[in-house]
PDB file of N, CA and C in Angstrom:
ATOM      1  N   MET A   1       0.989  -1.073   0.256  1.00  0.00           N
ATOM      2  CA  MET A   1       0.060  -0.045   0.210  1.00  0.00           C
ATOM      3  C   MET A   1       0.941   1.314   0.193  1.00  0.00           C
ATOM      4  N   LYS A   2       0.230   2.375  -0.837  1.00  0.00           N
ATOM      5  CA  LYS A   2       1.318   3.710  -1.056  1.00  0.00           C
ATOM      6  C   LYS A   2       1.070   4.446   0.616  1.00  0.00           C
ATOM      7  N   LYS A   3       1.774   4.793   0.338  1.00  0.00           N
ATOM      8  CA  LYS A   3       1.976   5.961   1.777  1.00  0.00           C
ATOM      9  C   LYS A   3       1.570   7.244   1.036  1.00  0.00           C
ATOM     10  N   TYR A   4       0.592   8.007   2.224  1.00  0.00           N
ATOM     11  CA  TYR A   4      -0.016   9.098   2.005  1.00  0.00           C
ATOM     12  C   TYR A   4       0.974  10.159   2.550  1.00  0.00           C
ATOM     13  N   LYS A   5       1.192  11.411   1.814  1.00  0.00           N
ATOM     14  CA  LYS A   5       1.845  12.388   2.828  1.00  0.00           C
ATOM     15  C   LYS A   5       1.000  13.280   3.736  1.00  0.00           C
ATOM     16  N   VAL A   6       1.534  13.274   4.614  1.00  0.00           N
ATOM     17  CA  VAL A   6       0.628  14.454   5.723  1.00  0.00           C
ATOM     18  C   VAL A   6       1.150  15.430   5.859  1.00  0.00           C
ATOM     19  N   GLN A   7       0.475  16.543   5.629  1.00  0.00           N
ATOM     20  CA  GLN A   7       0.739  18.285   5.815  1.00  0.00           C
ATOM     21  C   GLN A   7      -0.587  18.654   7.004  1.00  0.00           C
ATOM     22  N   ILE A   8       0.372  19.591   7.715  1.00  0.00           N
ATOM     23  CA  ILE A   8      -0.271  20.023   9.016  1.00  0.00           C
ATOM     24  C   ILE A   8      -0.375  21.186   8.426  1.00  0.00           C
ATOM     25  N   LYS A   9      -1.795  22.013   8.529  1.00  0.00           N
ATOM     26  CA  LYS A   9      -1.989  23.268   8.002  1.00  0.00           C
ATOM     27  C   LYS A   9      -1.535  23.964   9.502  1.00  0.00           C
ATOM     28  N   ARG A  10      -1.330  25.394   9.110  1.00  0.00           N
ATOM     29  CA  ARG A  10      -0.523  26.165  10.476  1.00  0.00           C
ATOM     30  C   ARG A  10      -1.406  26.131  11.394  1.00  0.00           C
ATOM     31  N   THR A  11      -2.484  26.710  11.229  1.00  0.00           N
ATOM     32  CA  THR A  11      -3.537  27.002  12.417  1.00  0.00           C
ATOM     33  C   THR A  11      -3.716  25.507  13.352  1.00  0.00           C
ATOM     34  N   ALA A  12      -3.600  24.480  12.338  1.00  0.00           N
ATOM     35  CA  ALA A  12      -3.827  23.022  13.209  1.00  0.00           C
ATOM     36  C   ALA A  12      -2.487  22.805  14.060  1.00  0.00           C
ATOM     37  N   GLN A  13      -1.504  23.209  13.435  1.00  0.00           N
ATOM     38  CA  GLN A  13      -0.284  23.392  14.313  1.00  0.00           C
ATOM     39  C   GLN A  13      -0.177  24.066  15.726  1.00  0.00           C
ATOM     40  N   LYS A  14      -0.842  25.644  15.496  1.00  0.00           N
ATOM     41  CA  LYS A  14      -1.060  26.162  16.579  1.00  0.00           C
ATOM     42  C   LYS A  14      -1.970  25.847  17.889  1.00  0.00           C
ATOM     43  N   GLN A  15      -2.906  24.569  17.121  1.00  0.00           N
ATOM     44  CA  GLN A  15      -3.728  24.314  18.166  1.00  0.00           C
ATOM     45  C   GLN A  15      -3.024  23.059  18.710  1.00  0.00           C
ATOM     46  N   ILE A  16      -2.693  22.371  18.005  1.00  0.00           N
ATOM     47  CA  ILE A  16      -1.603  20.822  18.710  1.00  0.00           C
ATOM     48  C   ILE A  16      -0.843  21.707  19.665  1.00  0.00           C
ATOM     49  N   ASP A  17      -0.002  22.811  19.462  1.00  0.00           N
ATOM     50  CA  ASP A  17       0.970  23.426  20.432  1.00  0.00           C
ATOM     51  C   ASP A  17       0.314  23.810  21.708  1.00  0.00           C
ATOM     52  N   LYS A  18      -0.881  24.343  21.866  1.00  0.00           N
ATOM     53  CA  LYS A  18      -1.536  24.661  22.728  1.00  0.00           C
ATOM     54  C   LYS A  18      -2.259  23.607  23.660  1.00  0.00           C
ATOM     55  N   LEU A  19      -2.120  22.213  22.999  1.00  0.00           N
ATOM     56  CA  LEU A  19      -2.419  21.098  24.105  1.00  0.00           C
ATOM     57  C   LEU A  19      -1.478  20.710  25.152  1.00  0.00           C
ATOM     58  N   PRO A  20      -2.436  19.948  26.445  1.00  0.00           N
ATOM     59  CA  PRO A  20      -1.456  19.320  27.314  1.00  0.00           C
ATOM     60  C   PRO A  20      -0.489  18.497  26.494  1.00  0.00           C
ATOM     61  N   LEU A  21       0.684  18.389  26.941  1.00  0.00           N
ATOM     62  CA  LEU A  21       1.953  17.281  26.464  1.00  0.00           C
ATOM     63  C   LEU A  21       1.367  16.181  26.453  1.00  0.00           C
ATOM     64  N   SER A  22       0.927  15.522  27.228  1.00  0.00           N
ATOM     65  CA  SER A  22       0.341  14.044  27.038  1.00  0.00           C
ATOM     66  C   SER A  22      -0.709  13.975  25.755  1.00  0.00           C
ATOM     67  N   VAL A  23      -1.960  14.866  25.766  1.00  0.00           N
ATOM     68  CA  VAL A  23      -2.710  14.834  24.669  1.00  0.00           C
ATOM     69  C   VAL A  23      -1.689  15.401  23.474  1.00  0.00           C
ATOM     70  N   ALA A  24      -1.180  15.931  23.152  1.00  0.00           N
ATOM     71  CA  ALA A  24      -0.384  16.189  22.246  1.00  0.00           C
ATOM     72  C   ALA A  24       0.547  15.265  21.707  1.00  0.00           C
ATOM     73  N   ARG A  25       0.994  14.397  22.423  1.00  0.00           N
ATOM     74  CA  ARG A  25       1.552  13.152  21.856  1.00  0.00           C
ATOM     75  C   ARG A  25       0.857  12.308  21.263  1.00  0.00           C
ATOM     76  N   ARG A  26      -0.101  12.239  22.068  1.00  0.00           N
ATOM     77  CA  ARG A  26      -1.239  11.193  21.744  1.00  0.00           C
ATOM     78  C   ARG A  26      -1.778  11.845  19.996  1.00  0.00           C
ATOM     79  N   VAL A  27      -1.911  12.953  19.975  1.00  0.00           N
ATOM     80  CA  VAL A  27      -2.787  13.598  18.659  1.00  0.00           C
ATOM     81  C   VAL A  27      -1.558  13.632  17.428  1.00  0.00           C
ATOM     82  N   VAL A  28      -0.163  13.882  17.961  1.00  0.00           N
ATOM     83  CA  VAL A  28       0.658  13.760  16.719  1.00  0.00           C
ATOM     84  C   VAL A  28       1.412  12.162  16.187  1.00  0.00           C
ATOM     85  N   SER A  29       1.103  11.062  17.459  1.00  0.00           N
ATOM     86  CA  SER A  29       1.145   9.913  17.326  1.00  0.00           C
ATOM     87  C   SER A  29      -0.263   9.640  16.355  1.00  0.00           C
ATOM     88  N   LYS A  30      -1.210   9.870  16.230  1.00  0.00           N
ATOM     89  CA  LYS A  30      -2.777   9.493  15.618  1.00  0.00           C
ATOM     90  C   LYS A  30      -2.682  10.045  14.284  1.00  0.00           C
ATOM     91  N   ILE A  31      -1.505  11.575  13.767  1.00  0.00           N
ATOM     92  CA  ILE A  31      -1.650  12.061  12.780  1.00  0.00           C
ATOM     93  C   ILE A  31      -0.595  11.371  11.990  1.00  0.00           C
ATOM     94  N   ARG A  32       0.196  10.619  12.591  1.00  0.00           N
ATOM     95  CA  ARG A  32       1.598  10.216  11.879  1.00  0.00           C
ATOM     96  C   ARG A  32       0.518   8.526  11.078  1.00  0.00           C
ATOM     97  N   ASP A  33       0.190   7.986  11.963  1.00  0.00           N
ATOM     98  CA  ASP A  33      -0.401   6.961  11.449  1.00  0.00           C
ATOM     99  C   ASP A  33      -1.058   7.471  10.697  1.00  0.00           C
ATOM    100  N   LEU A  34      -1.873   8.715  10.050  1.00  0.00           N
ATOM    101  CA  LEU A  34      -2.940   8.575   8.745  1.00  0.00           C
ATOM    102  C   LEU A  34      -1.564   8.225   7.649  1.00  0.00           C
ATOM    103  N   SER A  35      -0.795   8.754   7.475  1.00  0.00           N
ATOM    104  CA  SER A  35       0.061   8.165   6.368  1.00  0.00           C
ATOM    105  C   SER A  35       0.176   6.558   5.463  1.00  0.00           C
ATOM    106  N   ASP A  36       0.078   5.931   6.380  1.00  0.00           N
ATOM    107  CA  ASP A  36      -0.237   4.379   6.544  1.00  0.00           C
ATOM    108  C   ASP A  36      -1.628   4.256   5.985  1.00  0.00           C
ATOM    109  N   ASN A  37      -2.610   4.843   6.834  1.00  0.00           N
ATOM    110  CA  ASN A  37      -4.013   4.214   6.576  1.00  0.00           C
ATOM    111  C   ASN A  37      -4.878   5.705   6.775  1.00  0.00           C
ATOM    112  N   PRO A  38      -5.057   6.516   5.952  1.00  0.00           N
ATOM    113  CA  PRO A  38      -5.899   7.519   6.049  1.00  0.00           C
ATOM    114  C   PRO A  38      -7.458   7.736   6.669  1.00  0.00           C
ATOM    115  N   ARG A  39      -7.842   6.240   6.231  1.00  0.00           N
ATOM    116  CA  ARG A  39      -9.394   5.876   7.062  1.00  0.00           C
ATOM    117  C   ARG A  39      -9.226   4.929   8.110  1.00  0.00           C
ATOM    118  N   PRO A  40      -8.398   5.106   9.204  1.00  0.00           N
ATOM    119  CA  PRO A  40      -8.249   3.692  10.260  1.00  0.00           C
ATOM    120  C   PRO A  40      -9.554   3.540  10.654  1.00  0.00           C
ATOM    121  N   ALA A  41     -10.036   2.379  11.714  1.00  0.00           N
ATOM    122  CA  ALA A  41     -10.972   2.216  12.432  1.00  0.00           C
ATOM    123  C   ALA A  41     -11.535   3.298  13.274  1.00  0.00           C
ATOM    124  N   GLY A  42     -12.635   3.714  13.461  1.00  0.00           N
ATOM    125  CA  GLY A  42     -13.070   4.879  14.479  1.00  0.00           C
ATOM    126  C   GLY A  42     -13.313   5.934  13.645  1.00  0.00           C
ATOM    127  N   SER A  43     -12.732   6.317  12.363  1.00  0.00           N
ATOM    128  CA  SER A  43     -12.705   7.273  11.559  1.00  0.00           C
ATOM    129  C   SER A  43     -14.167   7.335  10.943  1.00  0.00           C
ATOM    130  N   ARG A  44     -14.403   8.864  11.035  1.00  0.00           N
ATOM    131  CA  ARG A  44     -15.929   8.957  10.292  1.00  0.00           C
ATOM    132  C   ARG A  44     -15.336  10.129   9.194  1.00  0.00           C
ATOM    133  N   ARG A  45     -16.401  10.108   8.191  1.00  0.00           N
ATOM    134  CA  ARG A  45     -16.459  11.348   7.575  1.00  0.00           C
ATOM    135  C   ARG A  45     -17.433  12.348   7.838  1.00  0.00           C
ATOM    136  N   ILE A  46     -17.395  13.311   7.535  1.00  0.00           N
ATOM    137  CA  ILE A  46     -17.929  14.976   8.092  1.00  0.00           C
ATOM    138  C   ILE A  46     -19.321  14.513   7.188  1.00  0.00           C
ATOM    139  N   VAL A  47     -20.623  14.684   7.949  1.00  0.00           N
ATOM    140  CA  VAL A  47     -21.690  14.921   6.807  1.00  0.00           C
ATOM    141  C   VAL A  47     -21.795  15.910   6.395  1.00  0.00           C
ATOM    142  N   GLY A  48     -22.086  15.872   4.734  1.00  0.00           N
ATOM    143  CA  GLY A  48     -21.840  17.082   4.188  1.00  0.00           C
ATOM    144  C   GLY A  48     -20.859  17.197   2.953  1.00  0.00           C
ATOM    145  N   SER A  49     -19.813  16.791   3.636  1.00  0.00           N
ATOM    146  CA  SER A  49     -18.501  16.805   2.870  1.00  0.00           C
ATOM    147  C   SER A  49     -17.935  15.949   2.418  1.00  0.00           C
ATOM    148  N   GLU A  50     -17.645  15.673   1.091  1.00  0.00           N
ATOM    149  CA  GLU A  50     -16.988  14.520   0.419  1.00  0.00           C
ATOM    150  C   GLU A  50     -16.308  14.096   0.836  1.00  0.00           C
ATOM    151  N   ASN A  51     -14.989  15.002   1.743  1.00  0.00           N
ATOM    152  CA  ASN A  51     -13.411  14.460   1.748  1.00  0.00           C
ATOM    153  C   ASN A  51     -12.903  14.907   2.989  1.00  0.00           C
ATOM    154  N   THR A  52     -13.558  15.344   4.019  1.00  0.00           N
ATOM    155  CA  THR A  52     -13.330  15.690   5.464  1.00  0.00           C
ATOM    156  C   THR A  52     -13.843  14.606   5.953  1.00  0.00           C
ATOM    157  N   TRP A  53     -12.617  14.074   7.092  1.00  0.00           N
ATOM    158  CA  TRP A  53     -12.667  13.196   8.122  1.00  0.00           C
ATOM    159  C   TRP A  53     -12.427  13.642   9.467  1.00  0.00           C
ATOM    160  N   ARG A  54     -13.203  12.710  10.421  1.00  0.00           N
ATOM    161  CA  ARG A  54     -12.714  13.392  11.446  1.00  0.00           C
ATOM    162  C   ARG A  54     -11.943  12.010  12.488  1.00  0.00           C
ATOM    163  N   ILE A  55     -10.884  11.978  13.365  1.00  0.00           N
ATOM    164  CA  ILE A  55     -10.972  11.136  14.079  1.00  0.00           C
ATOM    165  C   ILE A  55     -11.178  11.498  15.457  1.00  0.00           C
ATOM    166  N   ARG A  56     -10.989  10.384  16.399  1.00  0.00           N
ATOM    167  CA  ARG A  56     -11.383  10.974  17.904  1.00  0.00           C
ATOM    168  C   ARG A  56      -9.990  10.351  18.853  1.00  0.00           C
ATOM    169  N   VAL A  57      -9.384  11.587  19.402  1.00  0.00           N
ATOM    170  CA  VAL A  57      -8.286  11.088  20.459  1.00  0.00           C
ATOM    171  C   VAL A  57      -8.778  11.564  21.770  1.00  0.00           C
ATOM    172  N   GLY A  58      -9.475  10.760  22.584  1.00  0.00           N
ATOM    173  CA  GLY A  58     -10.025  11.066  23.704  1.00  0.00           C
ATOM    174  C   GLY A  58     -10.926  12.048  23.822  1.00  0.00           C
ATOM    175  N   ASN A  59     -11.003  13.491  24.443  1.00  0.00           N
ATOM    176  CA  ASN A  59     -11.887  14.205  24.075  1.00  0.00           C
ATOM    177  C   ASN A  59     -11.802  15.185  23.124  1.00  0.00           C
ATOM    178  N   TYR A  60     -10.831  14.814  22.223  1.00  0.00           N
ATOM    179  CA  TYR A  60     -10.114  15.633  20.968  1.00  0.00           C
ATOM    180  C   TYR A  60     -10.525  15.040  19.794  1.00  0.00           C
ATOM    181  N   ARG A  61     -10.414  16.003  18.660  1.00  0.00           N
ATOM    182  CA  ARG A  61     -10.780  15.623  17.210  1.00  0.00           C
ATOM    183  C   ARG A  61      -9.881  16.161  16.701  1.00  0.00           C
ATOM    184  N   ILE A  62      -9.576  15.038  15.707  1.00  0.00           N
ATOM    185  CA  ILE A  62      -8.430  15.964  14.274  1.00  0.00           C
ATOM    186  C   ILE A  62      -9.520  15.899  13.348  1.00  0.00           C
ATOM    187  N   LEU A  63      -9.474  17.045  12.307  1.00  0.00           N
ATOM    188  CA  LEU A  63     -10.422  17.047  11.612  1.00  0.00           C
ATOM    189  C   LEU A  63      -9.291  17.173  10.290  1.00  0.00           C
ATOM    190  N   TYR A  64      -9.706  16.228   9.461  1.00  0.00           N
ATOM    191  CA  TYR A  64      -8.699  16.392   8.269  1.00  0.00           C
ATOM    192  C   TYR A  64      -9.201  16.330   6.589  1.00  0.00           C
ATOM    193  N   THR A  65      -8.777  16.525   5.860  1.00  0.00           N
ATOM    194  CA  THR A  65      -9.179  15.798   4.587  1.00  0.00           C
ATOM    195  C   THR A  65      -8.165  15.301   3.797  1.00  0.00           C
ATOM    196  N   ILE A  66      -9.108  14.003   2.724  1.00  0.00           N
ATOM    197  CA  ILE A  66      -7.978  12.855   1.937  1.00  0.00           C
ATOM    198  C   ILE A  66      -8.054  13.561   0.724  1.00  0.00           C
ATOM    199  N   GLU A  67      -6.964  13.740   0.175  1.00  0.00           N
ATOM    200  CA  GLU A  67      -6.804  13.635  -1.452  1.00  0.00           C
ATOM    201  C   GLU A  67      -6.318  12.334  -2.059  1.00  0.00           C
ATOM    202  N   ASP A  68      -7.037  11.213  -2.402  1.00  0.00           N
ATOM    203  CA  ASP A  68      -6.621  10.101  -3.048  1.00  0.00           C
ATOM    204  C   ASP A  68      -6.010  10.145  -4.199  1.00  0.00           C
ATOM    205  N   ASP A  69      -6.023  11.144  -4.833  1.00  0.00           N
ATOM    206  CA  ASP A  69      -5.836  10.890  -6.125  1.00  0.00           C
ATOM    207  C   ASP A  69      -4.009  11.788  -6.182  1.00  0.00           C
ATOM    208  N   ILE A  70      -4.140  12.148  -5.254  1.00  0.00           N
ATOM    209  CA  ILE A  70      -2.391  12.850  -5.083  1.00  0.00           C
ATOM    210  C   ILE A  70      -1.968  12.160  -3.739  1.00  0.00           C
ATOM    211  N   LEU A  71      -2.482  11.450  -3.100  1.00  0.00           N
ATOM    212  CA  LEU A  71      -1.929  10.503  -1.860  1.00  0.00           C
ATOM    213  C   LEU A  71      -1.707  11.920  -0.688  1.00  0.00           C
ATOM    214  N   LEU A  72      -2.782  12.793  -0.673  1.00  0.00           N
ATOM    215  CA  LEU A  72      -2.342  13.746   0.298  1.00  0.00           C
ATOM    216  C   LEU A  72      -3.311  13.541   1.824  1.00  0.00           C
ATOM    217  N   VAL A  73      -3.246  13.621   2.542  1.00  0.00           N
ATOM    218  CA  VAL A  73      -3.781  13.848   3.883  1.00  0.00           C
ATOM    219  C   VAL A  73      -3.279  15.848   4.432  1.00  0.00           C
ATOM    220  N   GLU A  74      -4.262  16.314   4.636  1.00  0.00           N
ATOM    221  CA  GLU A  74      -4.034  17.618   5.207  1.00  0.00           C
ATOM    222  C   GLU A  74      -4.908  17.485   6.427  1.00  0.00           C
ATOM    223  N   VAL A  75      -4.430  18.123   7.820  1.00  0.00           N
ATOM    224  CA  VAL A  75      -4.791  18.271   8.962  1.00  0.00           C
ATOM    225  C   VAL A  75      -5.107  19.580   9.002  1.00  0.00           C
ATOM    226  N   ILE A  76      -6.567  19.749   9.268  1.00  0.00           N
ATOM    227  CA  ILE A  76      -6.939  21.024   9.260  1.00  0.00           C
ATOM    228  C   ILE A  76      -7.634  21.729  10.482  1.00  0.00           C
ATOM    229  N   ARG A  77      -7.967  20.950  11.555  1.00  0.00           N
ATOM    230  CA  ARG A  77      -7.870  21.273  12.606  1.00  0.00           C
ATOM    231  C   ARG A  77      -7.905  20.167  13.448  1.00  0.00           C
ATOM    232  N   VAL A  78      -7.688  20.718  14.846  1.00  0.00           N
ATOM    233  CA  VAL A  78      -7.389  19.979  16.294  1.00  0.00           C
ATOM    234  C   VAL A  78      -7.922  20.772  17.013  1.00  0.00           C
ATOM    235  N   ARG A  79      -9.261  20.057  17.897  1.00  0.00           N
ATOM    236  CA  ARG A  79      -9.733  20.844  18.980  1.00  0.00           C
ATOM    237  C   ARG A  79     -10.374  19.550  19.909  1.00  0.00           C
ATOM    238  N   HIS A  80     -10.925  20.659  20.883  1.00  0.00           N
ATOM    239  CA  HIS A  80     -11.825  19.673  22.070  1.00  0.00           C
ATOM    240  C   HIS A  80     -12.984  19.680  21.307  1.00  0.00           C
ATOM    241  N   ARG A  81     -13.826  18.232  21.395  1.00  0.00           N
ATOM    242  CA  ARG A  81     -14.955  17.842  21.003  1.00  0.00           C
ATOM    243  C   ARG A  81     -15.630  18.980  20.889  1.00  0.00           C
ATOM    244  N   LYS A  82     -16.199  19.799  21.789  1.00  0.00           N
ATOM    245  CA  LYS A  82     -17.150  20.386  22.168  1.00  0.00           C
ATOM    246  C   LYS A  82     -17.203  21.987  21.297  1.00  0.00           C
ATOM    247  N   ASP A  83     -15.779  22.160  20.608  1.00  0.00           N
ATOM    248  CA  ASP A  83     -15.459  23.542  19.971  1.00  0.00           C
ATOM    249  C   ASP A  83     -15.163  22.932  18.612  1.00  0.00           C
ATOM    250  N   SER A  84     -15.041  21.580  17.823  1.00  0.00           N
ATOM    251  CA  SER A  84     -14.544  21.042  16.952  1.00  0.00           C
ATOM    252  C   SER A  84     -15.340  21.260  15.691  1.00  0.00           C
ATOM    253  N   TYR A  85     -16.691  21.443  15.882  1.00  0.00           N
ATOM    254  CA  TYR A  85     -17.194  21.597  14.604  1.00  0.00           C
ATOM    255  C   TYR A  85     -17.985  23.035  14.187  1.00  0.00           C
ATOM    256  N   ASP A  86     -17.674  24.010  14.941  1.00  0.00           N
ATOM    257  CA  ASP A  86     -17.974  25.421  14.875  1.00  0.00           C
ATOM    258  C   ASP A  86     -17.611  25.792  13.474  1.00  0.00           C
TER     259      ASP A  86
END
């Protein structure tokens, strides 16, 4: 299976930097895993969007897009679940 390139938008990186260290480590680990499998168990497509997905990390959500034709995963947001869909 081909590996996807993972890009993190600047806004998402700032959100990761503000997380508690233990949560940030888990989030970064999940993001790295997306290069091997952009649709892991537990990931869900966002309703109303064709290529936006989310994955849970505790009470936090990683929102990302998948571009299968160019093998790209772009992380667009990392937020607490209560704020993630605003």
